[in-house]
Amino acid sequence: MCETIMKKITDIDDELKTELKALLYNFVRDLKKGTASLIELIAEYQVKISQVFREKVDRKKS
């Protein structure tokens, strides 16, 4: 699953790719732990991913 998603992110710069890859692996790790439902994890990681992209846009604007 992780590999497929990462292949689709080939045109994104390395720093952003590294951050997204870490989030993706953390998502899968948390999903395997079973401490939260899939819906809760998706909501949590959607916020985290949005923050990463916002920071990236802010860095480009600076």
PDB file of N, CA and C in Angstrom:
ATOM      1  N   MET A   1       0.820  -1.184   0.000  1.00  0.00           N
ATOM      2  CA  MET A   1       0.000   0.000   0.000  1.00  0.00           C
ATOM      3  C   MET A   1       0.869   1.255   0.000  1.00  0.00           C
ATOM      4  N   CYS A   2       1.836   1.318   0.902  1.00  0.00           N
ATOM      5  CA  CYS A   2       2.706   2.492   0.998  1.00  0.00           C
ATOM      6  C   CYS A   2       3.490   2.710  -0.295  1.00  0.00           C
ATOM      7  N   GLU A   3       3.990   1.633  -0.846  1.00  0.00           N
ATOM      8  CA  GLU A   3       4.808   1.739  -2.053  1.00  0.00           C
ATOM      9  C   GLU A   3       4.001   2.307  -3.214  1.00  0.00           C
ATOM     10  N   THR A   4       2.768   1.864  -3.358  1.00  0.00           N
ATOM     11  CA  THR A   4       1.911   2.337  -4.449  1.00  0.00           C
ATOM     12  C   THR A   4       1.660   3.827  -4.337  1.00  0.00           C
ATOM     13  N   ILE A   5       1.356   4.276  -3.140  1.00  0.00           N
ATOM     14  CA  ILE A   5       1.095   5.704  -2.935  1.00  0.00           C
ATOM     15  C   ILE A   5       2.354   6.514  -3.192  1.00  0.00           C
ATOM     16  N   MET A   6       3.484   6.041  -2.711  1.00  0.00           N
ATOM     17  CA  MET A   6       4.724   6.797  -2.881  1.00  0.00           C
ATOM     18  C   MET A   6       5.116   6.894  -4.352  1.00  0.00           C
ATOM     19  N   LYS A   7       4.829   5.894  -5.148  1.00  0.00           N
ATOM     20  CA  LYS A   7       5.144   5.953  -6.575  1.00  0.00           C
ATOM     21  C   LYS A   7       4.349   7.046  -7.269  1.00  0.00           C
ATOM     22  N   LYS A   8       3.180   7.355  -6.749  1.00  0.00           N
ATOM     23  CA  LYS A   8       2.337   8.385  -7.349  1.00  0.00           C
ATOM     24  C   LYS A   8       2.799   9.788  -6.971  1.00  0.00           C
ATOM     25  N   ILE A   9       3.735   9.885  -6.068  1.00  0.00           N
ATOM     26  CA  ILE A   9       4.201  11.185  -5.603  1.00  0.00           C
ATOM     27  C   ILE A   9       5.581  11.488  -6.195  1.00  0.00           C
ATOM     28  N   THR A  10       5.870  11.013  -7.368  1.00  0.00           N
ATOM     29  CA  THR A  10       7.211  11.124  -7.932  1.00  0.00           C
ATOM     30  C   THR A  10       7.613  12.535  -8.304  1.00  0.00           C
ATOM     31  N   ASP A  11       6.658  13.406  -8.599  1.00  0.00           N
ATOM     32  CA  ASP A  11       7.009  14.749  -9.040  1.00  0.00           C
ATOM     33  C   ASP A  11       7.088  15.758  -7.896  1.00  0.00           C
ATOM     34  N   ILE A  12       7.024  15.305  -6.671  1.00  0.00           N
ATOM     35  CA  ILE A  12       7.103  16.188  -5.510  1.00  0.00           C
ATOM     36  C   ILE A  12       8.553  16.208  -5.026  1.00  0.00           C
ATOM     37  N   ASP A  13       8.998  17.361  -4.547  1.00  0.00           N
ATOM     38  CA  ASP A  13      10.392  17.464  -4.125  1.00  0.00           C
ATOM     39  C   ASP A  13      10.714  16.494  -2.981  1.00  0.00           C
ATOM     40  N   ASP A  14      11.993  16.231  -2.810  1.00  0.00           N
ATOM     41  CA  ASP A  14      12.448  15.200  -1.875  1.00  0.00           C
ATOM     42  C   ASP A  14      12.063  15.478  -0.427  1.00  0.00           C
ATOM     43  N   GLU A  15      12.151  16.727   0.002  1.00  0.00           N
ATOM     44  CA  GLU A  15      11.826  17.052   1.394  1.00  0.00           C
ATOM     45  C   GLU A  15      10.357  16.748   1.683  1.00  0.00           C
ATOM     46  N   LEU A  16       9.500  17.170   0.792  1.00  0.00           N
ATOM     47  CA  LEU A  16       8.072  16.915   0.964  1.00  0.00           C
ATOM     48  C   LEU A  16       7.788  15.420   0.890  1.00  0.00           C
ATOM     49  N   LYS A  17       8.446  14.750  -0.027  1.00  0.00           N
ATOM     50  CA  LYS A  17       8.259  13.303  -0.173  1.00  0.00           C
ATOM     51  C   LYS A  17       8.664  12.578   1.109  1.00  0.00           C
ATOM     52  N   THR A  18       9.753  13.005   1.720  1.00  0.00           N
ATOM     53  CA  THR A  18      10.216  12.389   2.960  1.00  0.00           C
ATOM     54  C   THR A  18       9.195  12.580   4.074  1.00  0.00           C
ATOM     55  N   GLU A  19       8.660  13.799   4.187  1.00  0.00           N
ATOM     56  CA  GLU A  19       7.663  14.074   5.224  1.00  0.00           C
ATOM     57  C   GLU A  19       6.394  13.250   5.006  1.00  0.00           C
ATOM     58  N   LEU A  20       5.942  13.172   3.762  1.00  0.00           N
ATOM     59  CA  LEU A  20       4.730  12.409   3.470  1.00  0.00           C
ATOM     60  C   LEU A  20       4.947  10.915   3.680  1.00  0.00           C
ATOM     61  N   LYS A  21       6.128  10.445   3.346  1.00  0.00           N
ATOM     62  CA  LYS A  21       6.443   9.028   3.533  1.00  0.00           C
ATOM     63  C   LYS A  21       6.412   8.674   5.018  1.00  0.00           C
ATOM     64  N   ALA A  22       6.974   9.542   5.853  1.00  0.00           N
ATOM     65  CA  ALA A  22       6.961   9.310   7.296  1.00  0.00           C
ATOM     66  C   ALA A  22       5.527   9.272   7.824  1.00  0.00           C
ATOM     67  N   LEU A  23       4.702  10.198   7.355  1.00  0.00           N
ATOM     68  CA  LEU A  23       3.299  10.209   7.782  1.00  0.00           C
ATOM     69  C   LEU A  23       2.573   8.945   7.334  1.00  0.00           C
ATOM     70  N   LEU A  24       2.856   8.506   6.137  1.00  0.00           N
ATOM     71  CA  LEU A  24       2.205   7.308   5.616  1.00  0.00           C
ATOM     72  C   LEU A  24       2.590   6.078   6.433  1.00  0.00           C
ATOM     73  N   TYR A  25       3.860   5.938   6.747  1.00  0.00           N
ATOM     74  CA  TYR A  25       4.288   4.801   7.555  1.00  0.00           C
ATOM     75  C   TYR A  25       3.712   4.880   8.967  1.00  0.00           C
ATOM     76  N   ASN A  26       3.639   6.089   9.529  1.00  0.00           N
ATOM     77  CA  ASN A  26       3.036   6.252  10.851  1.00  0.00           C
ATOM     78  C   ASN A  26       1.552   5.888  10.824  1.00  0.00           C
ATOM     79  N   PHE A  27       0.875   6.264   9.742  1.00  0.00           N
ATOM     80  CA  PHE A  27      -0.539   5.924   9.583  1.00  0.00           C
ATOM     81  C   PHE A  27      -0.723   4.408   9.596  1.00  0.00           C
ATOM     82  N   VAL A  28       0.077   3.718   8.816  1.00  0.00           N
ATOM     83  CA  VAL A  28      -0.024   2.255   8.747  1.00  0.00           C
ATOM     84  C   VAL A  28       0.313   1.637  10.101  1.00  0.00           C
ATOM     85  N   ARG A  29       1.330   2.162  10.761  1.00  0.00           N
ATOM     86  CA  ARG A  29       1.703   1.664  12.093  1.00  0.00           C
ATOM     87  C   ARG A  29       0.539   1.825  13.065  1.00  0.00           C
ATOM     88  N   ASP A  30      -0.061   3.019  13.079  1.00  0.00           N
ATOM     89  CA  ASP A  30      -1.185   3.270  13.980  1.00  0.00           C
ATOM     90  C   ASP A  30      -2.387   2.401  13.630  1.00  0.00           C
ATOM     91  N   LEU A  31      -2.588   2.170  12.356  1.00  0.00           N
ATOM     92  CA  LEU A  31      -3.693   1.318  11.918  1.00  0.00           C
ATOM     93  C   LEU A  31      -3.484  -0.118  12.413  1.00  0.00           C
ATOM     94  N   LYS A  32      -2.250  -0.597  12.334  1.00  0.00           N
ATOM     95  CA  LYS A  32      -1.945  -1.953  12.801  1.00  0.00           C
ATOM     96  C   LYS A  32      -2.115  -2.080  14.311  1.00  0.00           C
ATOM     97  N   LYS A  33      -1.802  -1.004  15.049  1.00  0.00           N
ATOM     98  CA  LYS A  33      -1.958  -1.029  16.504  1.00  0.00           C
ATOM     99  C   LYS A  33      -3.413  -1.225  16.897  1.00  0.00           C
ATOM    100  N   GLY A  34      -4.307  -0.673  16.094  1.00  0.00           N
ATOM    101  CA  GLY A  34      -5.729  -0.827  16.371  1.00  0.00           C
ATOM    102  C   GLY A  34      -6.242   0.029  17.508  1.00  0.00           C
ATOM    103  N   THR A  35      -5.501   1.072  17.864  1.00  0.00           N
ATOM    104  CA  THR A  35      -5.925   1.923  18.977  1.00  0.00           C
ATOM    105  C   THR A  35      -7.005   2.921  18.574  1.00  0.00           C
ATOM    106  N   ALA A  36      -7.194   3.122  17.278  1.00  0.00           N
ATOM    107  CA  ALA A  36      -8.232   4.028  16.787  1.00  0.00           C
ATOM    108  C   ALA A  36      -8.872   3.395  15.555  1.00  0.00           C
ATOM    109  N   SER A  37     -10.076   3.832  15.262  1.00  0.00           N
ATOM    110  CA  SER A  37     -10.756   3.293  14.080  1.00  0.00           C
ATOM    111  C   SER A  37     -10.132   3.876  12.819  1.00  0.00           C
ATOM    112  N   LEU A  38     -10.397   3.235  11.714  1.00  0.00           N
ATOM    113  CA  LEU A  38      -9.877   3.703  10.431  1.00  0.00           C
ATOM    114  C   LEU A  38     -10.350   5.126  10.154  1.00  0.00           C
ATOM    115  N   ILE A  39     -11.604   5.406  10.426  1.00  0.00           N
ATOM    116  CA  ILE A  39     -12.154   6.747  10.178  1.00  0.00           C
ATOM    117  C   ILE A  39     -11.441   7.788  11.035  1.00  0.00           C
ATOM    118  N   GLU A  40     -11.177   7.465  12.297  1.00  0.00           N
ATOM    119  CA  GLU A  40     -10.466   8.392  13.182  1.00  0.00           C
ATOM    120  C   GLU A  40      -9.049   8.646  12.680  1.00  0.00           C
ATOM    121  N   LEU A  41      -8.383   7.586  12.248  1.00  0.00           N
ATOM    122  CA  LEU A  41      -7.019   7.740  11.743  1.00  0.00           C
ATOM    123  C   LEU A  41      -6.987   8.559  10.463  1.00  0.00           C
ATOM    124  N   ILE A  42      -7.933   8.317   9.578  1.00  0.00           N
ATOM    125  CA  ILE A  42      -7.982   9.094   8.336  1.00  0.00           C
ATOM    126  C   ILE A  42      -8.169  10.568   8.657  1.00  0.00           C
ATOM    127  N   ALA A  43      -9.068  10.882   9.568  1.00  0.00           N
ATOM    128  CA  ALA A  43      -9.305  12.279   9.948  1.00  0.00           C
ATOM    129  C   ALA A  43      -8.048  12.899  10.550  1.00  0.00           C
ATOM    130  N   GLU A  44      -7.381  12.164  11.429  1.00  0.00           N
ATOM    131  CA  GLU A  44      -6.168  12.663  12.079  1.00  0.00           C
ATOM    132  C   GLU A  44      -5.058  12.914  11.061  1.00  0.00           C
ATOM    133  N   TYR A  45      -4.841  11.956  10.187  1.00  0.00           N
ATOM    134  CA  TYR A  45      -3.747  12.087   9.227  1.00  0.00           C
ATOM    135  C   TYR A  45      -4.080  13.041   8.089  1.00  0.00           C
ATOM    136  N   GLN A  46      -5.343  13.243   7.812  1.00  0.00           N
ATOM    137  CA  GLN A  46      -5.729  14.249   6.822  1.00  0.00           C
ATOM    138  C   GLN A  46      -5.290  15.631   7.298  1.00  0.00           C
ATOM    139  N   VAL A  47      -5.476  15.890   8.577  1.00  0.00           N
ATOM    140  CA  VAL A  47      -5.041  17.166   9.159  1.00  0.00           C
ATOM    141  C   VAL A  47      -3.524  17.286   9.089  1.00  0.00           C
ATOM    142  N   LYS A  48      -2.818  16.231   9.455  1.00  0.00           N
ATOM    143  CA  LYS A  48      -1.356  16.263   9.438  1.00  0.00           C
ATOM    144  C   LYS A  48      -0.814  16.484   8.026  1.00  0.00           C
ATOM    145  N   ILE A  49      -1.403  15.807   7.053  1.00  0.00           N
ATOM    146  CA  ILE A  49      -0.952  15.958   5.665  1.00  0.00           C
ATOM    147  C   ILE A  49      -1.246  17.366   5.165  1.00  0.00           C
ATOM    148  N   SER A  50      -2.396  17.897   5.518  1.00  0.00           N
ATOM    149  CA  SER A  50      -2.737  19.274   5.128  1.00  0.00           C
ATOM    150  C   SER A  50      -1.735  20.262   5.705  1.00  0.00           C
ATOM    151  N   GLN A  51      -1.313  20.038   6.945  1.00  0.00           N
ATOM    152  CA  GLN A  51      -0.325  20.913   7.574  1.00  0.00           C
ATOM    153  C   GLN A  51       1.000  20.874   6.825  1.00  0.00           C
ATOM    154  N   VAL A  52       1.405  19.693   6.409  1.00  0.00           N
ATOM    155  CA  VAL A  52       2.657  19.555   5.664  1.00  0.00           C
ATOM    156  C   VAL A  52       2.583  20.356   4.364  1.00  0.00           C
ATOM    157  N   PHE A  53       1.470  20.240   3.653  1.00  0.00           N
ATOM    158  CA  PHE A  53       1.325  20.979   2.399  1.00  0.00           C
ATOM    159  C   PHE A  53       1.246  22.488   2.643  1.00  0.00           C
ATOM    160  N   ARG A  54       0.549  22.903   3.708  1.00  0.00           N
ATOM    161  CA  ARG A  54       0.476  24.336   4.026  1.00  0.00           C
ATOM    162  C   ARG A  54       1.863  24.894   4.328  1.00  0.00           C
ATOM    163  N   GLU A  55       2.642  24.150   5.105  1.00  0.00           N
ATOM    164  CA  GLU A  55       4.005  24.586   5.418  1.00  0.00           C
ATOM    165  C   GLU A  55       4.832  24.692   4.146  1.00  0.00           C
ATOM    166  N   LYS A  56       4.656  23.753   3.240  1.00  0.00           N
ATOM    167  CA  LYS A  56       5.394  23.771   1.976  1.00  0.00           C
ATOM    168  C   LYS A  56       5.033  25.007   1.165  1.00  0.00           C
ATOM    169  N   VAL A  57       3.754  25.331   1.083  1.00  0.00           N
ATOM    170  CA  VAL A  57       3.310  26.514   0.348  1.00  0.00           C
ATOM    171  C   VAL A  57       3.852  27.774   1.003  1.00  0.00           C
ATOM    172  N   ASP A  58       3.814  27.822   2.327  1.00  0.00           N
ATOM    173  CA  ASP A  58       4.335  28.988   3.049  1.00  0.00           C
ATOM    174  C   ASP A  58       5.829  29.164   2.818  1.00  0.00           C
ATOM    175  N   ARG A  59       6.565  28.057   2.761  1.00  0.00           N
ATOM    176  CA  ARG A  59       8.013  28.144   2.505  1.00  0.00           C
ATOM    177  C   ARG A  59       8.280  28.670   1.106  1.00  0.00           C
ATOM    178  N   LYS A  60       7.463  28.252   0.145  1.00  0.00           N
ATOM    179  CA  LYS A  60       7.657  28.723  -1.233  1.00  0.00           C
ATOM    180  C   LYS A  60       7.329  30.204  -1.360  1.00  0.00           C
ATOM    181  N   LYS A  61       6.354  30.681  -0.582  1.00  0.00           N
ATOM    182  CA  LYS A  61       5.968  32.090  -0.636  1.00  0.00           C
ATOM    183  C   LYS A  61       7.047  32.984  -0.033  1.00  0.00           C
ATOM    184  N   SER A  62       7.794  32.443   0.923  1.00  0.00           N
ATOM    185  CA  SER A  62       8.824  33.246   1.621  1.00  0.00           C
ATOM    186  C   SER A  62      10.035  33.487   0.774  1.00  0.00           C
TER     187      SER A  62
END
